Amino acid sequence: MQRIGGMLLDVAPEGFRRVDVVVRMNVAVQDVTITVYMPDGSTPEVFPPEGLVPAFAELRQVVHEPGRGTWFSARCVINAPTRIDISYNMDHDPQWNPPIPAAHFARDLEVFPRDEAFVPDWLREKLAEARNEEQNG
């Protein structure tokens, strides 16, 4: 987490009030959105630093619990000067926009398996969709 925080602090403009990062991650595709809030209310454009996506991918592996799986999305908030909070979404649909292929969810489940009790209903639907696509493919 310190490495991720350091990378984000390096790209944040001087004097920032808050950095808000939303990460949607799957073994096949990743999406990172960074919003920086300045004291005057402005939100300057900031791009993810090199190395941020691999660092979050590594964090997915670290957080992975056998049988429980890992997170689908995460939110990292840095409040000036250096307070870092992170929360993980382990159960809810990460709301990809645009939506990603159902097969990506099936592949993710192969890499980060979950016991049946920890497969949420929305993911069951995606897995059924992936099976149908494969059969009709």
N, C-alpha and C. Protein backbone atom coordinates (compact mmCIF):
# COMPACT_ATOMS: atom_id res chain seq x y z
N MET A 1 0.82 -1.19 0.00
CA MET A 1 0.00 0.00 0.00
C MET A 1 0.87 1.25 0.00
N GLN A 2 1.99 1.20 0.69
CA GLN A 2 2.88 2.37 0.72
C GLN A 2 3.40 2.70 -0.67
N ARG A 3 3.71 1.65 -1.45
CA ARG A 3 4.21 1.88 -2.81
C ARG A 3 3.14 2.56 -3.66
N ILE A 4 1.90 2.09 -3.56
CA ILE A 4 0.80 2.70 -4.31
C ILE A 4 0.60 4.14 -3.87
N GLY A 5 0.58 4.37 -2.57
CA GLY A 5 0.44 5.73 -2.05
C GLY A 5 1.54 6.64 -2.54
N GLY A 6 2.77 6.14 -2.54
CA GLY A 6 3.90 6.93 -3.02
C GLY A 6 3.77 7.31 -4.48
N MET A 7 3.32 6.36 -5.30
CA MET A 7 3.13 6.66 -6.73
C MET A 7 2.07 7.72 -6.94
N LEU A 8 0.99 7.62 -6.17
CA LEU A 8 -0.09 8.60 -6.31
C LEU A 8 0.33 9.97 -5.81
N LEU A 9 1.07 10.01 -4.73
CA LEU A 9 1.56 11.31 -4.23
C LEU A 9 2.51 11.95 -5.23
N ASP A 10 3.27 11.13 -5.96
CA ASP A 10 4.20 11.67 -6.96
C ASP A 10 3.49 12.36 -8.11
N VAL A 11 2.28 11.90 -8.47
CA VAL A 11 1.57 12.51 -9.61
C VAL A 11 0.55 13.56 -9.18
N ALA A 12 0.26 13.63 -7.89
CA ALA A 12 -0.72 14.61 -7.40
C ALA A 12 -0.11 16.01 -7.45
N PRO A 13 -0.89 16.99 -7.91
CA PRO A 13 -0.37 18.36 -7.93
C PRO A 13 -0.11 18.87 -6.51
N GLU A 14 0.86 19.74 -6.39
CA GLU A 14 1.17 20.33 -5.09
C GLU A 14 -0.06 21.05 -4.55
N GLY A 15 -0.30 20.90 -3.26
CA GLY A 15 -1.41 21.58 -2.62
C GLY A 15 -2.74 20.86 -2.75
N PHE A 16 -2.75 19.63 -3.25
CA PHE A 16 -4.01 18.91 -3.42
C PHE A 16 -4.72 18.74 -2.08
N ARG A 17 -6.04 18.59 -2.15
CA ARG A 17 -6.83 18.33 -0.95
C ARG A 17 -7.10 16.83 -0.79
N ARG A 18 -7.45 16.18 -1.93
CA ARG A 18 -7.76 14.75 -1.88
C ARG A 18 -7.48 14.11 -3.24
N VAL A 19 -7.00 12.88 -3.19
CA VAL A 19 -6.85 12.06 -4.39
C VAL A 19 -7.78 10.86 -4.20
N ASP A 20 -8.64 10.63 -5.18
CA ASP A 20 -9.61 9.54 -5.13
C ASP A 20 -9.34 8.62 -6.32
N VAL A 21 -9.02 7.37 -6.04
CA VAL A 21 -8.69 6.41 -7.09
C VAL A 21 -9.68 5.25 -7.03
N VAL A 22 -10.30 4.96 -8.17
CA VAL A 22 -11.19 3.80 -8.28
C VAL A 22 -10.55 2.85 -9.29
N VAL A 23 -10.38 1.60 -8.86
CA VAL A 23 -9.75 0.58 -9.69
C VAL A 23 -10.73 -0.56 -9.88
N ARG A 24 -11.00 -0.88 -11.13
CA ARG A 24 -11.73 -2.10 -11.46
C ARG A 24 -10.70 -3.02 -12.08
N MET A 25 -10.64 -4.25 -11.60
CA MET A 25 -9.57 -5.11 -12.08
C MET A 25 -10.06 -6.53 -12.26
N ASN A 26 -9.58 -7.12 -13.34
CA ASN A 26 -9.87 -8.48 -13.71
C ASN A 26 -8.59 -9.02 -14.33
N VAL A 27 -8.41 -10.33 -14.38
CA VAL A 27 -7.16 -10.84 -14.95
C VAL A 27 -7.00 -10.44 -16.41
N ALA A 28 -8.09 -10.12 -17.08
CA ALA A 28 -8.03 -9.80 -18.51
C ALA A 28 -7.99 -8.30 -18.80
N VAL A 29 -8.52 -7.49 -17.91
CA VAL A 29 -8.65 -6.06 -18.20
C VAL A 29 -8.64 -5.27 -16.90
N GLN A 30 -8.16 -4.03 -16.99
CA GLN A 30 -8.09 -3.16 -15.81
C GLN A 30 -8.59 -1.77 -16.19
N ASP A 31 -9.14 -1.08 -15.20
CA ASP A 31 -9.58 0.29 -15.40
C ASP A 31 -9.23 1.08 -14.14
N VAL A 32 -8.52 2.19 -14.32
CA VAL A 32 -8.13 3.04 -13.20
C VAL A 32 -8.60 4.46 -13.47
N THR A 33 -9.32 5.03 -12.53
CA THR A 33 -9.76 6.41 -12.62
C THR A 33 -9.19 7.17 -11.43
N ILE A 34 -8.49 8.26 -11.72
CA ILE A 34 -7.92 9.09 -10.66
C ILE A 34 -8.57 10.46 -10.73
N THR A 35 -9.12 10.90 -9.61
CA THR A 35 -9.67 12.25 -9.51
C THR A 35 -8.94 12.96 -8.38
N VAL A 36 -8.39 14.12 -8.71
CA VAL A 36 -7.68 14.94 -7.72
C VAL A 36 -8.55 16.16 -7.43
N TYR A 37 -8.76 16.43 -6.16
CA TYR A 37 -9.53 17.59 -5.74
C TYR A 37 -8.58 18.62 -5.12
N MET A 38 -8.68 19.83 -5.64
CA MET A 38 -7.85 20.92 -5.14
C MET A 38 -8.67 21.76 -4.16
N PRO A 39 -8.02 22.56 -3.32
CA PRO A 39 -8.74 23.38 -2.34
C PRO A 39 -9.76 24.33 -2.98
N ASP A 40 -9.51 24.77 -4.22
CA ASP A 40 -10.44 25.69 -4.89
C ASP A 40 -11.60 24.97 -5.57
N GLY A 41 -11.67 23.63 -5.43
CA GLY A 41 -12.75 22.85 -6.02
C GLY A 41 -12.43 22.32 -7.41
N SER A 42 -11.32 22.72 -7.97
CA SER A 42 -10.97 22.23 -9.31
C SER A 42 -10.49 20.78 -9.23
N THR A 43 -10.56 20.11 -10.38
CA THR A 43 -10.13 18.71 -10.47
C THR A 43 -9.21 18.56 -11.68
N PRO A 44 -7.93 18.86 -11.52
CA PRO A 44 -7.01 18.76 -12.65
C PRO A 44 -6.87 17.31 -13.12
N GLU A 45 -6.63 17.18 -14.41
CA GLU A 45 -6.47 15.84 -14.99
C GLU A 45 -5.13 15.24 -14.55
N VAL A 46 -5.21 14.01 -14.07
CA VAL A 46 -4.02 13.28 -13.63
C VAL A 46 -4.11 11.87 -14.22
N PHE A 47 -3.03 11.42 -14.80
CA PHE A 47 -3.00 10.09 -15.41
C PHE A 47 -2.33 9.10 -14.47
N PRO A 48 -2.75 7.83 -14.53
CA PRO A 48 -2.13 6.82 -13.67
C PRO A 48 -0.63 6.72 -13.95
N PRO A 49 0.18 6.73 -12.92
CA PRO A 49 1.62 6.61 -13.13
C PRO A 49 1.99 5.20 -13.58
N GLU A 50 3.10 5.12 -14.29
CA GLU A 50 3.61 3.82 -14.71
C GLU A 50 3.85 2.98 -13.45
N GLY A 51 3.43 1.75 -13.51
CA GLY A 51 3.62 0.86 -12.37
C GLY A 51 2.41 0.76 -11.45
N LEU A 52 1.43 1.66 -11.61
CA LEU A 52 0.27 1.63 -10.72
C LEU A 52 -0.59 0.38 -10.96
N VAL A 53 -0.88 0.08 -12.22
CA VAL A 53 -1.71 -1.09 -12.52
C VAL A 53 -1.05 -2.38 -12.03
N PRO A 54 0.25 -2.61 -12.31
CA PRO A 54 0.88 -3.82 -11.75
C PRO A 54 0.87 -3.86 -10.22
N ALA A 55 0.98 -2.71 -9.59
CA ALA A 55 0.95 -2.67 -8.12
C ALA A 55 -0.42 -3.09 -7.59
N PHE A 56 -1.49 -2.62 -8.26
CA PHE A 56 -2.83 -3.04 -7.84
C PHE A 56 -3.07 -4.52 -8.17
N ALA A 57 -2.52 -5.00 -9.29
CA ALA A 57 -2.65 -6.43 -9.62
C ALA A 57 -1.97 -7.28 -8.54
N GLU A 58 -0.82 -6.82 -8.08
CA GLU A 58 -0.13 -7.52 -6.99
C GLU A 58 -0.97 -7.47 -5.71
N LEU A 59 -1.62 -6.35 -5.46
CA LEU A 59 -2.47 -6.21 -4.29
C LEU A 59 -3.65 -7.19 -4.35
N ARG A 60 -4.18 -7.43 -5.55
CA ARG A 60 -5.25 -8.44 -5.69
C ARG A 60 -4.75 -9.80 -5.24
N GLN A 61 -3.51 -10.13 -5.58
CA GLN A 61 -2.95 -11.42 -5.18
C GLN A 61 -2.74 -11.47 -3.67
N VAL A 62 -2.27 -10.38 -3.10
CA VAL A 62 -2.01 -10.33 -1.65
C VAL A 62 -3.31 -10.46 -0.85
N VAL A 63 -4.37 -9.81 -1.33
CA VAL A 63 -5.65 -9.82 -0.62
C VAL A 63 -6.40 -11.14 -0.83
N HIS A 64 -6.08 -11.86 -1.88
CA HIS A 64 -6.77 -13.11 -2.20
C HIS A 64 -6.78 -14.06 -1.00
N GLU A 65 -7.96 -14.55 -0.69
CA GLU A 65 -8.13 -15.56 0.36
C GLU A 65 -8.62 -16.84 -0.30
N PRO A 66 -7.94 -17.96 -0.10
CA PRO A 66 -8.41 -19.22 -0.70
C PRO A 66 -9.87 -19.48 -0.34
N GLY A 67 -10.66 -19.77 -1.36
CA GLY A 67 -12.08 -20.03 -1.16
C GLY A 67 -12.94 -18.79 -1.12
N ARG A 68 -12.36 -17.67 -0.76
CA ARG A 68 -13.10 -16.40 -0.64
C ARG A 68 -12.91 -15.52 -1.87
N GLY A 69 -11.80 -15.71 -2.57
CA GLY A 69 -11.53 -14.91 -3.76
C GLY A 69 -10.78 -13.64 -3.44
N THR A 70 -10.89 -12.68 -4.34
CA THR A 70 -10.24 -11.39 -4.16
C THR A 70 -11.19 -10.29 -4.58
N TRP A 71 -10.72 -9.07 -4.56
CA TRP A 71 -11.59 -7.94 -4.85
C TRP A 71 -11.81 -7.76 -6.35
N PHE A 72 -12.99 -7.20 -6.67
CA PHE A 72 -13.35 -6.86 -8.04
C PHE A 72 -13.02 -5.40 -8.33
N SER A 73 -13.15 -4.59 -7.31
CA SER A 73 -12.79 -3.18 -7.43
C SER A 73 -12.28 -2.70 -6.08
N ALA A 74 -11.55 -1.62 -6.14
CA ALA A 74 -10.99 -1.04 -4.91
C ALA A 74 -11.05 0.48 -5.03
N ARG A 75 -11.13 1.11 -3.89
CA ARG A 75 -11.10 2.58 -3.85
C ARG A 75 -10.02 2.99 -2.86
N CYS A 76 -9.16 3.86 -3.34
CA CYS A 76 -8.06 4.37 -2.53
C CYS A 76 -8.23 5.88 -2.43
N VAL A 77 -8.25 6.39 -1.22
CA VAL A 77 -8.41 7.83 -1.00
C VAL A 77 -7.22 8.33 -0.20
N ILE A 78 -6.60 9.37 -0.74
CA ILE A 78 -5.50 10.03 -0.02
C ILE A 78 -5.98 11.42 0.35
N ASN A 79 -6.05 11.69 1.62
CA ASN A 79 -6.36 13.03 2.11
C ASN A 79 -5.05 13.70 2.48
N ALA A 80 -4.88 14.93 2.02
CA ALA A 80 -3.63 15.66 2.27
C ALA A 80 -3.37 15.73 3.77
N PRO A 81 -2.13 15.62 4.19
CA PRO A 81 -0.97 15.44 3.31
C PRO A 81 -0.71 13.99 2.92
N THR A 82 -0.94 13.02 3.82
CA THR A 82 -0.55 11.65 3.46
C THR A 82 -1.44 10.56 4.05
N ARG A 83 -2.64 10.87 4.50
CA ARG A 83 -3.50 9.83 5.05
C ARG A 83 -4.08 9.01 3.90
N ILE A 84 -3.85 7.70 3.93
CA ILE A 84 -4.29 6.81 2.86
C ILE A 84 -5.29 5.80 3.42
N ASP A 85 -6.45 5.73 2.78
CA ASP A 85 -7.47 4.74 3.13
C ASP A 85 -7.80 3.93 1.89
N ILE A 86 -7.98 2.63 2.06
CA ILE A 86 -8.36 1.79 0.93
C ILE A 86 -9.50 0.87 1.35
N SER A 87 -10.43 0.67 0.44
CA SER A 87 -11.53 -0.27 0.68
C SER A 87 -11.64 -1.18 -0.53
N TYR A 88 -12.06 -2.41 -0.28
CA TYR A 88 -12.14 -3.42 -1.32
C TYR A 88 -13.58 -3.87 -1.51
N ASN A 89 -13.98 -4.02 -2.76
CA ASN A 89 -15.27 -4.58 -3.10
C ASN A 89 -15.06 -6.05 -3.46
N MET A 90 -15.42 -6.92 -2.55
CA MET A 90 -15.23 -8.36 -2.75
C MET A 90 -16.48 -9.05 -3.28
N ASP A 91 -17.63 -8.35 -3.25
CA ASP A 91 -18.89 -9.05 -3.51
C ASP A 91 -19.79 -8.42 -4.57
N HIS A 92 -19.68 -7.15 -4.81
CA HIS A 92 -20.63 -6.46 -5.68
C HIS A 92 -20.09 -6.30 -7.10
N ASP A 93 -21.03 -6.23 -8.04
CA ASP A 93 -20.67 -6.02 -9.44
C ASP A 93 -19.87 -4.73 -9.55
N PRO A 94 -18.68 -4.78 -10.14
CA PRO A 94 -17.85 -3.57 -10.22
C PRO A 94 -18.33 -2.55 -11.25
N GLN A 95 -19.40 -2.87 -11.98
CA GLN A 95 -20.02 -1.92 -12.91
C GLN A 95 -19.04 -1.39 -13.97
N TRP A 96 -18.48 -2.31 -14.74
CA TRP A 96 -17.58 -1.92 -15.83
C TRP A 96 -18.34 -1.08 -16.84
N ASN A 97 -17.72 -0.02 -17.31
CA ASN A 97 -18.33 0.84 -18.33
C ASN A 97 -17.27 1.19 -19.36
N PRO A 98 -17.36 0.60 -20.55
CA PRO A 98 -18.39 -0.32 -21.02
C PRO A 98 -18.24 -1.70 -20.38
N PRO A 99 -19.33 -2.49 -20.44
CA PRO A 99 -19.28 -3.83 -19.85
C PRO A 99 -18.19 -4.68 -20.49
N ILE A 100 -17.61 -5.58 -19.71
CA ILE A 100 -16.59 -6.48 -20.24
C ILE A 100 -17.23 -7.83 -20.55
N PRO A 101 -16.61 -8.61 -21.43
CA PRO A 101 -17.18 -9.92 -21.78
C PRO A 101 -17.32 -10.82 -20.54
N ALA A 102 -18.39 -11.59 -20.53
CA ALA A 102 -18.64 -12.50 -19.41
C ALA A 102 -17.50 -13.50 -19.24
N ALA A 103 -16.86 -13.87 -20.34
CA ALA A 103 -15.75 -14.83 -20.27
C ALA A 103 -14.61 -14.31 -19.40
N HIS A 104 -14.45 -13.00 -19.32
CA HIS A 104 -13.40 -12.43 -18.46
C HIS A 104 -13.65 -12.76 -16.99
N PHE A 105 -14.93 -12.77 -16.59
CA PHE A 105 -15.25 -13.11 -15.20
C PHE A 105 -14.97 -14.58 -14.92
N ALA A 106 -15.26 -15.44 -15.91
CA ALA A 106 -14.98 -16.87 -15.75
C ALA A 106 -13.48 -17.10 -15.60
N ARG A 107 -12.69 -16.42 -16.40
CA ARG A 107 -11.22 -16.56 -16.32
C ARG A 107 -10.71 -16.05 -14.97
N ASP A 108 -11.27 -14.94 -14.51
CA ASP A 108 -10.86 -14.37 -13.22
C ASP A 108 -11.14 -15.36 -12.08
N LEU A 109 -12.28 -16.03 -12.17
CA LEU A 109 -12.65 -17.00 -11.14
C LEU A 109 -11.71 -18.22 -11.16
N GLU A 110 -11.18 -18.56 -12.34
CA GLU A 110 -10.21 -19.65 -12.42
C GLU A 110 -8.92 -19.28 -11.69
N VAL A 111 -8.51 -18.03 -11.84
CA VAL A 111 -7.26 -17.57 -11.23
C VAL A 111 -7.43 -17.31 -9.73
N PHE A 112 -8.59 -16.74 -9.37
CA PHE A 112 -8.89 -16.43 -7.97
C PHE A 112 -10.17 -17.18 -7.57
N PRO A 113 -10.08 -18.49 -7.35
CA PRO A 113 -11.28 -19.29 -7.10
C PRO A 113 -12.00 -18.89 -5.81
N ARG A 114 -13.31 -19.13 -5.87
CA ARG A 114 -14.19 -18.87 -4.72
C ARG A 114 -15.00 -20.12 -4.44
N ASP A 115 -15.20 -20.40 -3.17
CA ASP A 115 -16.14 -21.45 -2.81
C ASP A 115 -17.53 -21.00 -3.24
N GLU A 116 -18.38 -21.97 -3.49
CA GLU A 116 -19.74 -21.69 -3.98
C GLU A 116 -20.45 -20.64 -3.11
N ALA A 117 -20.27 -20.70 -1.81
CA ALA A 117 -20.93 -19.77 -0.90
C ALA A 117 -20.49 -18.32 -1.11
N PHE A 118 -19.34 -18.12 -1.75
CA PHE A 118 -18.81 -16.77 -1.93
C PHE A 118 -18.93 -16.27 -3.37
N VAL A 119 -19.73 -16.97 -4.18
CA VAL A 119 -19.98 -16.51 -5.55
C VAL A 119 -21.29 -15.74 -5.53
N PRO A 120 -21.22 -14.40 -5.69
CA PRO A 120 -22.45 -13.61 -5.63
C PRO A 120 -23.36 -13.89 -6.83
N ASP A 121 -24.64 -13.60 -6.66
CA ASP A 121 -25.63 -13.88 -7.70
C ASP A 121 -25.27 -13.23 -9.03
N TRP A 122 -24.84 -11.98 -9.00
CA TRP A 122 -24.51 -11.30 -10.26
C TRP A 122 -23.38 -12.03 -10.99
N LEU A 123 -22.43 -12.61 -10.24
CA LEU A 123 -21.32 -13.34 -10.85
C LEU A 123 -21.81 -14.67 -11.41
N ARG A 124 -22.74 -15.31 -10.72
CA ARG A 124 -23.33 -16.55 -11.25
C ARG A 124 -23.97 -16.29 -12.61
N GLU A 125 -24.66 -15.15 -12.72
CA GLU A 125 -25.28 -14.79 -14.00
C GLU A 125 -24.23 -14.59 -15.08
N LYS A 126 -23.12 -13.93 -14.74
CA LYS A 126 -22.03 -13.72 -15.71
C LYS A 126 -21.42 -15.06 -16.13
N LEU A 127 -21.26 -15.97 -15.19
CA LEU A 127 -20.68 -17.28 -15.50
C LEU A 127 -21.61 -18.08 -16.40
N ALA A 128 -22.92 -18.01 -16.15
CA ALA A 128 -23.89 -18.68 -17.02
C ALA A 128 -23.85 -18.07 -18.42
N GLU A 129 -23.75 -16.76 -18.49
CA GLU A 129 -23.64 -16.07 -19.77
C GLU A 129 -22.38 -16.52 -20.52
N ALA A 130 -21.28 -16.65 -19.82
CA ALA A 130 -20.02 -17.09 -20.43
C ALA A 130 -20.16 -18.52 -20.97
N ARG A 131 -20.81 -19.40 -20.22
CA ARG A 131 -21.02 -20.78 -20.68
C ARG A 131 -21.88 -20.80 -21.94
N ASN A 132 -22.95 -19.99 -21.96
CA ASN A 132 -23.82 -19.91 -23.13
C ASN A 132 -23.07 -19.40 -24.34
N GLU A 133 -22.25 -18.37 -24.15
CA GLU A 133 -21.47 -17.81 -25.25
C GLU A 133 -20.50 -18.85 -25.80
N GLU A 134 -19.89 -19.63 -24.89
CA GLU A 134 -18.93 -20.65 -25.31
C GLU A 134 -19.63 -21.76 -26.10
N GLN A 135 -20.82 -22.16 -25.64
CA GLN A 135 -21.56 -23.24 -26.32
C GLN A 135 -22.09 -22.79 -27.67
N ASN A 136 -22.48 -21.52 -27.76
CA ASN A 136 -23.08 -21.00 -28.99
C ASN A 136 -22.07 -20.32 -29.90
N GLY A 137 -20.84 -20.23 -29.40
CA GLY A 137 -19.80 -19.48 -29.95
C GLY A 137 -19.30 -19.49 -31.26
